[in-house]
Amino acid sequence: MLKDLILKNRSYRRFYQSERISKTQLKEWVDLARCSASARNSQSLKYILCTDAPQNGEIFELLSWAGYLAYWKGPEEGERPSAYIVMLHDTLITGNYLCDDGIAAQSILLGATEAGFGGCIIYTINRNKLKEMLKISDQFEVIQILALGKPKETVVIE
């Protein structure tokens, strides 16, 4: 049931880093986002899929985790995401993406949850360094990153 899936879909920040996610699996989840509602069906959201461990390590260094926990620098080695999806907005397609990013992120995370994985939406990103590292053209705006993996924690709803 959809309600059960939504209740199971939490923000996970610690993962079994050794549990890999294939690019094929990531593509399936991104396809859920593509098929979801979007303003004017403009399809201005684009994605970079990252499953390579060394590249994931570089991406990790450009993120801030759980801003309300200023003392926490994020998950330790061995508990980090095994995949990232970098969500971009193609500014040549449309001037803004309205709420499309949230709908897309929810669809991707629900797909991940259904497959036994989980994730966290991250907006606090060193965007300039990320664009340089991934060689992202200026026509694209970095919106958010979805950190994904096999959850190593149990999130309790109180």
N, C-alpha and C. Protein backbone atom coordinates (compact mmCIF):
# COMPACT_ATOMS: atom_id res chain seq x y z
N MET A 1 0.84 -1.18 0.00
CA MET A 1 0.00 0.00 0.00
C MET A 1 0.89 1.25 0.00
N LEU A 2 0.44 2.27 -0.68
CA LEU A 2 1.22 3.50 -0.81
C LEU A 2 1.52 4.14 0.54
N LYS A 3 0.55 4.14 1.45
CA LYS A 3 0.77 4.75 2.76
C LYS A 3 1.93 4.07 3.49
N ASP A 4 1.99 2.75 3.43
CA ASP A 4 3.08 2.02 4.08
C ASP A 4 4.43 2.40 3.49
N LEU A 5 4.48 2.55 2.18
CA LEU A 5 5.72 2.93 1.50
C LEU A 5 6.15 4.34 1.92
N ILE A 6 5.19 5.26 1.98
CA ILE A 6 5.50 6.63 2.39
C ILE A 6 5.99 6.67 3.83
N LEU A 7 5.38 5.89 4.71
CA LEU A 7 5.81 5.86 6.11
C LEU A 7 7.19 5.24 6.28
N LYS A 8 7.54 4.33 5.38
CA LYS A 8 8.85 3.68 5.43
C LYS A 8 9.95 4.58 4.84
N ASN A 9 9.56 5.50 3.98
CA ASN A 9 10.49 6.40 3.29
C ASN A 9 10.87 7.55 4.23
N ARG A 10 12.00 7.42 4.89
CA ARG A 10 12.50 8.44 5.82
C ARG A 10 13.80 9.02 5.28
N SER A 11 14.33 10.02 5.94
CA SER A 11 15.65 10.55 5.60
C SER A 11 16.71 9.72 6.31
N TYR A 12 17.37 8.87 5.54
CA TYR A 12 18.44 8.04 6.08
C TYR A 12 19.77 8.72 5.82
N ARG A 13 20.63 8.75 6.84
CA ARG A 13 21.93 9.41 6.71
C ARG A 13 23.11 8.48 6.96
N ARG A 14 22.83 7.25 7.33
CA ARG A 14 23.88 6.25 7.53
C ARG A 14 23.49 5.00 6.73
N PHE A 15 24.48 4.46 6.04
CA PHE A 15 24.22 3.36 5.13
C PHE A 15 25.26 2.25 5.29
N TYR A 16 24.94 1.09 4.76
CA TYR A 16 25.94 0.03 4.59
C TYR A 16 26.65 0.37 3.29
N GLN A 17 27.78 1.03 3.41
CA GLN A 17 28.49 1.57 2.24
C GLN A 17 28.90 0.48 1.25
N SER A 18 29.14 -0.73 1.75
CA SER A 18 29.57 -1.82 0.87
C SER A 18 28.42 -2.38 0.03
N GLU A 19 27.18 -2.07 0.38
CA GLU A 19 26.02 -2.52 -0.41
C GLU A 19 25.88 -1.62 -1.62
N ARG A 20 26.25 -2.13 -2.78
CA ARG A 20 26.27 -1.33 -4.00
C ARG A 20 24.88 -1.18 -4.60
N ILE A 21 24.70 -0.11 -5.34
CA ILE A 21 23.50 0.13 -6.14
C ILE A 21 23.97 0.27 -7.58
N SER A 22 23.36 -0.46 -8.48
CA SER A 22 23.79 -0.43 -9.88
C SER A 22 23.27 0.83 -10.58
N LYS A 23 23.96 1.21 -11.63
CA LYS A 23 23.48 2.34 -12.44
C LYS A 23 22.13 2.01 -13.07
N THR A 24 21.93 0.73 -13.40
CA THR A 24 20.64 0.30 -13.95
C THR A 24 19.52 0.59 -12.97
N GLN A 25 19.76 0.29 -11.70
CA GLN A 25 18.76 0.55 -10.66
C GLN A 25 18.51 2.05 -10.54
N LEU A 26 19.57 2.85 -10.53
CA LEU A 26 19.41 4.30 -10.45
C LEU A 26 18.60 4.83 -11.64
N LYS A 27 18.86 4.30 -12.83
CA LYS A 27 18.12 4.72 -14.03
C LYS A 27 16.64 4.40 -13.89
N GLU A 28 16.32 3.25 -13.30
CA GLU A 28 14.91 2.89 -13.09
C GLU A 28 14.23 3.89 -12.15
N TRP A 29 14.94 4.30 -11.10
CA TRP A 29 14.35 5.27 -10.17
C TRP A 29 14.20 6.64 -10.82
N VAL A 30 15.17 7.05 -11.61
CA VAL A 30 15.07 8.32 -12.32
C VAL A 30 13.91 8.27 -13.32
N ASP A 31 13.67 7.11 -13.91
CA ASP A 31 12.54 6.98 -14.83
C ASP A 31 11.21 7.19 -14.10
N LEU A 32 11.14 6.82 -12.83
CA LEU A 32 9.94 7.11 -12.04
C LEU A 32 9.73 8.62 -11.96
N ALA A 33 10.81 9.36 -11.77
CA ALA A 33 10.73 10.82 -11.72
C ALA A 33 10.28 11.37 -13.07
N ARG A 34 10.82 10.82 -14.14
CA ARG A 34 10.46 11.28 -15.49
C ARG A 34 8.98 11.11 -15.76
N CYS A 35 8.40 10.04 -15.23
CA CYS A 35 6.99 9.74 -15.46
C CYS A 35 6.06 10.43 -14.47
N SER A 36 6.62 11.11 -13.48
CA SER A 36 5.81 11.80 -12.47
C SER A 36 5.34 13.16 -12.98
N ALA A 37 4.41 13.74 -12.25
CA ALA A 37 3.87 15.05 -12.60
C ALA A 37 4.99 16.09 -12.64
N SER A 38 4.86 17.03 -13.57
CA SER A 38 5.80 18.15 -13.63
C SER A 38 5.09 19.33 -14.29
N ALA A 39 5.51 20.53 -13.93
CA ALA A 39 4.90 21.73 -14.48
C ALA A 39 5.10 21.76 -15.99
N ARG A 40 4.04 21.87 -16.73
CA ARG A 40 4.05 21.95 -18.19
C ARG A 40 4.74 20.76 -18.86
N ASN A 41 5.06 19.73 -18.10
CA ASN A 41 5.79 18.57 -18.63
C ASN A 41 7.03 19.00 -19.41
N SER A 42 7.72 20.00 -18.89
CA SER A 42 8.87 20.55 -19.60
C SER A 42 10.09 19.64 -19.57
N GLN A 43 10.15 18.72 -18.61
CA GLN A 43 11.27 17.78 -18.49
C GLN A 43 12.61 18.51 -18.43
N SER A 44 12.66 19.58 -17.65
CA SER A 44 13.90 20.36 -17.55
C SER A 44 14.88 19.80 -16.52
N LEU A 45 14.45 18.79 -15.77
CA LEU A 45 15.35 18.18 -14.80
C LEU A 45 16.22 17.14 -15.48
N LYS A 46 17.49 17.18 -15.18
CA LYS A 46 18.46 16.23 -15.72
C LYS A 46 19.22 15.63 -14.53
N TYR A 47 19.86 14.50 -14.75
CA TYR A 47 20.46 13.76 -13.64
C TYR A 47 21.85 13.26 -13.99
N ILE A 48 22.73 13.29 -13.01
CA ILE A 48 24.03 12.64 -13.11
C ILE A 48 24.03 11.52 -12.07
N LEU A 49 24.31 10.31 -12.52
CA LEU A 49 24.29 9.13 -11.65
C LEU A 49 25.71 8.78 -11.26
N CYS A 50 25.96 8.64 -9.98
CA CYS A 50 27.31 8.36 -9.48
C CYS A 50 27.30 7.11 -8.61
N THR A 51 28.03 6.09 -9.05
CA THR A 51 28.17 4.85 -8.27
C THR A 51 29.63 4.48 -8.03
N ASP A 52 30.53 5.23 -8.61
CA ASP A 52 31.96 4.98 -8.50
C ASP A 52 32.46 5.41 -7.12
N ALA A 53 33.05 4.48 -6.36
CA ALA A 53 33.46 4.77 -4.98
C ALA A 53 34.40 5.97 -4.86
N PRO A 54 35.46 6.07 -5.66
CA PRO A 54 36.33 7.25 -5.54
C PRO A 54 35.60 8.57 -5.83
N GLN A 55 34.77 8.57 -6.87
CA GLN A 55 34.00 9.78 -7.19
C GLN A 55 33.00 10.09 -6.08
N ASN A 56 32.37 9.06 -5.52
CA ASN A 56 31.45 9.27 -4.40
C ASN A 56 32.17 9.93 -3.23
N GLY A 57 33.40 9.53 -2.98
CA GLY A 57 34.19 10.14 -1.92
C GLY A 57 34.42 11.62 -2.15
N GLU A 58 34.67 11.98 -3.41
CA GLU A 58 34.86 13.39 -3.75
C GLU A 58 33.57 14.18 -3.57
N ILE A 59 32.46 13.59 -3.98
CA ILE A 59 31.16 14.25 -3.82
C ILE A 59 30.85 14.44 -2.34
N PHE A 60 31.10 13.40 -1.54
CA PHE A 60 30.82 13.46 -0.10
C PHE A 60 31.46 14.69 0.54
N GLU A 61 32.69 15.00 0.13
CA GLU A 61 33.42 16.13 0.72
C GLU A 61 32.79 17.48 0.40
N LEU A 62 31.89 17.52 -0.57
CA LEU A 62 31.26 18.78 -0.99
C LEU A 62 29.88 18.98 -0.38
N LEU A 63 29.48 18.09 0.52
CA LEU A 63 28.14 18.12 1.11
C LEU A 63 28.18 18.47 2.58
N SER A 64 27.10 19.09 3.05
CA SER A 64 26.90 19.29 4.49
C SER A 64 25.69 18.46 4.89
N TRP A 65 25.81 17.76 5.99
CA TRP A 65 24.77 16.82 6.43
C TRP A 65 24.05 17.37 7.65
N ALA A 66 22.73 17.30 7.65
CA ALA A 66 21.89 17.63 8.81
C ALA A 66 22.32 18.95 9.44
N GLY A 67 22.01 20.04 8.77
CA GLY A 67 22.42 21.36 9.21
C GLY A 67 22.05 21.70 10.64
N TYR A 68 20.98 21.11 11.14
CA TYR A 68 20.57 21.40 12.52
C TYR A 68 21.46 20.69 13.54
N LEU A 69 22.33 19.81 13.07
CA LEU A 69 23.31 19.14 13.94
C LEU A 69 24.70 19.66 13.58
N ALA A 70 24.98 20.88 13.98
CA ALA A 70 26.22 21.56 13.57
C ALA A 70 27.48 20.78 13.91
N TYR A 71 27.45 19.99 14.95
CA TYR A 71 28.63 19.23 15.39
C TYR A 71 28.86 17.98 14.54
N TRP A 72 27.87 17.54 13.80
CA TRP A 72 27.96 16.28 13.05
C TRP A 72 28.42 16.55 11.63
N LYS A 73 29.50 15.95 11.21
CA LYS A 73 30.07 16.19 9.88
C LYS A 73 29.58 15.19 8.84
N GLY A 74 28.65 14.34 9.23
CA GLY A 74 28.12 13.36 8.30
C GLY A 74 28.55 11.96 8.67
N PRO A 75 28.08 10.99 7.90
CA PRO A 75 28.40 9.60 8.22
C PRO A 75 29.89 9.29 8.11
N GLU A 76 30.33 8.37 8.94
CA GLU A 76 31.73 7.93 8.94
C GLU A 76 32.00 7.03 7.73
N GLU A 77 33.26 6.86 7.42
CA GLU A 77 33.66 5.90 6.38
C GLU A 77 33.05 4.54 6.73
N GLY A 78 32.48 3.87 5.75
CA GLY A 78 31.79 2.60 5.97
C GLY A 78 30.29 2.78 6.15
N GLU A 79 29.86 4.04 6.40
CA GLU A 79 28.44 4.35 6.58
C GLU A 79 27.96 5.39 5.56
N ARG A 80 28.78 5.63 4.56
CA ARG A 80 28.46 6.67 3.58
C ARG A 80 27.62 6.09 2.44
N PRO A 81 26.96 6.96 1.67
CA PRO A 81 26.14 6.49 0.56
C PRO A 81 26.95 5.71 -0.47
N SER A 82 26.31 4.73 -1.08
CA SER A 82 26.99 3.98 -2.14
C SER A 82 26.64 4.53 -3.51
N ALA A 83 25.74 5.51 -3.55
CA ALA A 83 25.38 6.14 -4.82
C ALA A 83 24.84 7.55 -4.56
N TYR A 84 24.99 8.38 -5.57
CA TYR A 84 24.42 9.72 -5.54
C TYR A 84 23.71 9.97 -6.86
N ILE A 85 22.62 10.72 -6.78
CA ILE A 85 21.97 11.25 -7.97
C ILE A 85 22.04 12.77 -7.84
N VAL A 86 22.75 13.39 -8.76
CA VAL A 86 22.84 14.85 -8.80
C VAL A 86 21.71 15.34 -9.69
N MET A 87 20.82 16.16 -9.12
CA MET A 87 19.68 16.68 -9.88
C MET A 87 20.02 18.07 -10.40
N LEU A 88 19.83 18.25 -11.70
CA LEU A 88 20.15 19.50 -12.38
C LEU A 88 18.91 20.09 -13.02
N HIS A 89 18.93 21.41 -13.21
CA HIS A 89 17.89 22.10 -13.97
C HIS A 89 18.53 22.65 -15.23
N ASP A 90 17.98 22.27 -16.38
CA ASP A 90 18.47 22.77 -17.66
C ASP A 90 17.81 24.11 -17.93
N THR A 91 18.56 25.19 -17.76
CA THR A 91 18.01 26.54 -17.87
C THR A 91 17.66 26.92 -19.32
N LEU A 92 18.11 26.14 -20.29
CA LEU A 92 17.76 26.42 -21.69
C LEU A 92 16.37 25.90 -22.03
N ILE A 93 15.84 25.00 -21.20
CA ILE A 93 14.51 24.45 -21.45
C ILE A 93 13.43 25.34 -20.85
N THR A 94 13.65 25.78 -19.62
CA THR A 94 12.68 26.64 -18.94
C THR A 94 13.40 27.47 -17.89
N GLY A 95 12.81 28.60 -17.55
CA GLY A 95 13.43 29.51 -16.60
C GLY A 95 13.44 29.01 -15.17
N ASN A 96 12.45 28.21 -14.81
CA ASN A 96 12.43 27.66 -13.45
C ASN A 96 11.83 26.27 -13.45
N TYR A 97 12.01 25.58 -12.35
CA TYR A 97 11.54 24.20 -12.25
C TYR A 97 10.41 24.07 -11.24
N LEU A 98 9.94 25.22 -10.72
CA LEU A 98 8.82 25.27 -9.79
C LEU A 98 8.97 24.22 -8.69
N CYS A 99 8.04 23.28 -8.61
CA CYS A 99 8.09 22.25 -7.56
C CYS A 99 8.52 20.90 -8.12
N ASP A 100 8.95 20.89 -9.37
CA ASP A 100 9.30 19.62 -10.02
C ASP A 100 10.38 18.85 -9.28
N ASP A 101 11.34 19.56 -8.68
CA ASP A 101 12.44 18.87 -8.00
C ASP A 101 11.94 18.06 -6.81
N GLY A 102 11.00 18.60 -6.07
CA GLY A 102 10.46 17.87 -4.91
C GLY A 102 9.67 16.64 -5.33
N ILE A 103 8.87 16.80 -6.38
CA ILE A 103 8.09 15.67 -6.89
C ILE A 103 9.04 14.58 -7.39
N ALA A 104 10.06 14.99 -8.13
CA ALA A 104 11.03 14.03 -8.68
C ALA A 104 11.78 13.32 -7.56
N ALA A 105 12.24 14.08 -6.56
CA ALA A 105 12.98 13.48 -5.44
C ALA A 105 12.11 12.47 -4.70
N GLN A 106 10.86 12.84 -4.45
CA GLN A 106 9.94 11.92 -3.75
C GLN A 106 9.77 10.63 -4.56
N SER A 107 9.60 10.75 -5.86
CA SER A 107 9.41 9.56 -6.70
C SER A 107 10.64 8.66 -6.66
N ILE A 108 11.82 9.26 -6.76
CA ILE A 108 13.06 8.48 -6.72
C ILE A 108 13.22 7.79 -5.37
N LEU A 109 12.97 8.52 -4.29
CA LEU A 109 13.13 7.94 -2.95
C LEU A 109 12.09 6.86 -2.67
N LEU A 110 10.88 7.01 -3.18
CA LEU A 110 9.88 5.95 -3.02
C LEU A 110 10.31 4.70 -3.78
N GLY A 111 10.87 4.87 -4.97
CA GLY A 111 11.40 3.73 -5.72
C GLY A 111 12.52 3.04 -4.97
N ALA A 112 13.42 3.84 -4.39
CA ALA A 112 14.53 3.28 -3.62
C ALA A 112 14.00 2.52 -2.41
N THR A 113 13.05 3.10 -1.72
CA THR A 113 12.47 2.47 -0.53
C THR A 113 11.81 1.15 -0.89
N GLU A 114 11.07 1.14 -1.98
CA GLU A 114 10.40 -0.09 -2.42
C GLU A 114 11.41 -1.19 -2.71
N ALA A 115 12.60 -0.82 -3.17
CA ALA A 115 13.65 -1.79 -3.51
C ALA A 115 14.53 -2.15 -2.31
N GLY A 116 14.19 -1.63 -1.12
CA GLY A 116 14.97 -1.96 0.08
C GLY A 116 16.13 -1.02 0.36
N PHE A 117 16.16 0.11 -0.35
CA PHE A 117 17.20 1.11 -0.13
C PHE A 117 16.57 2.35 0.50
N GLY A 118 17.36 3.37 0.68
CA GLY A 118 16.85 4.62 1.24
C GLY A 118 17.77 5.75 0.86
N GLY A 119 17.40 6.94 1.28
CA GLY A 119 18.23 8.07 0.92
C GLY A 119 17.92 9.32 1.70
N CYS A 120 18.60 10.37 1.29
CA CYS A 120 18.47 11.67 1.94
C CYS A 120 18.62 12.75 0.87
N ILE A 121 17.74 13.75 0.92
CA ILE A 121 17.83 14.88 0.01
C ILE A 121 18.80 15.89 0.62
N ILE A 122 19.78 16.31 -0.15
CA ILE A 122 20.77 17.25 0.36
C ILE A 122 20.79 18.50 -0.54
N TYR A 123 20.57 19.65 0.10
CA TYR A 123 20.62 20.93 -0.61
C TYR A 123 21.88 21.72 -0.29
N THR A 124 22.52 21.41 0.82
CA THR A 124 23.72 22.16 1.21
C THR A 124 24.93 21.53 0.52
N ILE A 125 25.29 22.13 -0.59
CA ILE A 125 26.29 21.58 -1.51
C ILE A 125 27.25 22.70 -1.91
N ASN A 126 28.52 22.38 -2.04
CA ASN A 126 29.45 23.33 -2.64
C ASN A 126 29.26 23.20 -4.15
N ARG A 127 28.30 23.95 -4.66
CA ARG A 127 27.87 23.81 -6.05
C ARG A 127 28.98 24.15 -7.05
N ASN A 128 29.74 25.18 -6.78
CA ASN A 128 30.80 25.57 -7.71
C ASN A 128 31.84 24.46 -7.87
N LYS A 129 32.27 23.89 -6.76
CA LYS A 129 33.27 22.81 -6.83
C LYS A 129 32.68 21.56 -7.46
N LEU A 130 31.40 21.28 -7.18
CA LEU A 130 30.75 20.12 -7.78
C LEU A 130 30.67 20.28 -9.30
N LYS A 131 30.26 21.47 -9.76
CA LYS A 131 30.18 21.71 -11.20
C LYS A 131 31.54 21.56 -11.86
N GLU A 132 32.57 22.03 -11.19
CA GLU A 132 33.93 21.91 -11.72
C GLU A 132 34.35 20.44 -11.76
N MET A 133 34.12 19.73 -10.67
CA MET A 133 34.54 18.33 -10.58
C MET A 133 33.85 17.45 -11.63
N LEU A 134 32.53 17.65 -11.80
CA LEU A 134 31.76 16.82 -12.73
C LEU A 134 31.69 17.41 -14.13
N LYS A 135 32.36 18.54 -14.32
CA LYS A 135 32.38 19.22 -15.63
C LYS A 135 30.96 19.50 -16.13
N ILE A 136 30.18 20.15 -15.26
CA ILE A 136 28.80 20.48 -15.57
C ILE A 136 28.76 21.84 -16.26
N SER A 137 28.14 21.88 -17.43
CA SER A 137 28.03 23.09 -18.23
C SER A 137 27.25 24.18 -17.48
N ASP A 138 27.51 25.43 -17.84
CA ASP A 138 26.84 26.57 -17.20
C ASP A 138 25.34 26.61 -17.47
N GLN A 139 24.87 25.90 -18.48
CA GLN A 139 23.43 25.90 -18.75
C GLN A 139 22.66 25.13 -17.68
N PHE A 140 23.38 24.37 -16.85
CA PHE A 140 22.73 23.56 -15.82
C PHE A 140 22.94 24.15 -14.44
N GLU A 141 21.88 24.19 -13.67
CA GLU A 141 21.91 24.62 -12.28
C GLU A 141 21.84 23.37 -11.40
N VAL A 142 22.74 23.24 -10.44
CA VAL A 142 22.68 22.12 -9.50
C VAL A 142 21.58 22.44 -8.49
N ILE A 143 20.57 21.57 -8.42
CA ILE A 143 19.45 21.79 -7.50
C ILE A 143 19.70 21.09 -6.17
N GLN A 144 19.92 19.80 -6.24
CA GLN A 144 20.06 18.98 -5.03
C GLN A 144 20.80 17.70 -5.37
N ILE A 145 21.16 16.99 -4.32
CA ILE A 145 21.77 15.67 -4.48
C ILE A 145 20.97 14.69 -3.63
N LEU A 146 20.69 13.53 -4.19
CA LEU A 146 20.08 12.45 -3.43
C LEU A 146 21.19 11.48 -3.07
N ALA A 147 21.42 11.32 -1.78
CA ALA A 147 22.40 10.36 -1.27
C ALA A 147 21.65 9.06 -1.03
N LEU A 148 22.15 7.96 -1.60
CA LEU A 148 21.40 6.70 -1.57
C LEU A 148 22.24 5.54 -1.10
N GLY A 149 21.58 4.58 -0.48
CA GLY A 149 22.26 3.37 -0.03
C GLY A 149 21.31 2.47 0.74
N LYS A 150 21.88 1.39 1.25
CA LYS A 150 21.13 0.47 2.11
C LYS A 150 21.14 1.05 3.52
N PRO A 151 19.98 1.43 4.07
CA PRO A 151 19.96 2.09 5.38
C PRO A 151 20.61 1.25 6.49
N LYS A 152 21.41 1.93 7.31
CA LYS A 152 22.07 1.29 8.44
C LYS A 152 21.45 1.79 9.75
N GLU A 153 20.40 2.54 9.64
CA GLU A 153 19.75 3.09 10.82
C GLU A 153 18.25 2.88 10.71
N THR A 154 17.59 2.92 11.84
CA THR A 154 16.14 2.84 11.88
C THR A 154 15.62 4.20 12.32
N VAL A 155 14.82 4.81 11.48
CA VAL A 155 14.26 6.11 11.79
C VAL A 155 12.90 5.90 12.43
N VAL A 156 12.67 6.53 13.57
CA VAL A 156 11.42 6.37 14.31
C VAL A 156 10.60 7.64 14.16
N ILE A 157 9.34 7.48 13.79
CA ILE A 157 8.42 8.61 13.72
C ILE A 157 7.73 8.72 15.08
N GLU A 158 7.88 9.86 15.72
CA GLU A 158 7.28 10.04 17.05
C GLU A 158 6.01 10.84 16.97
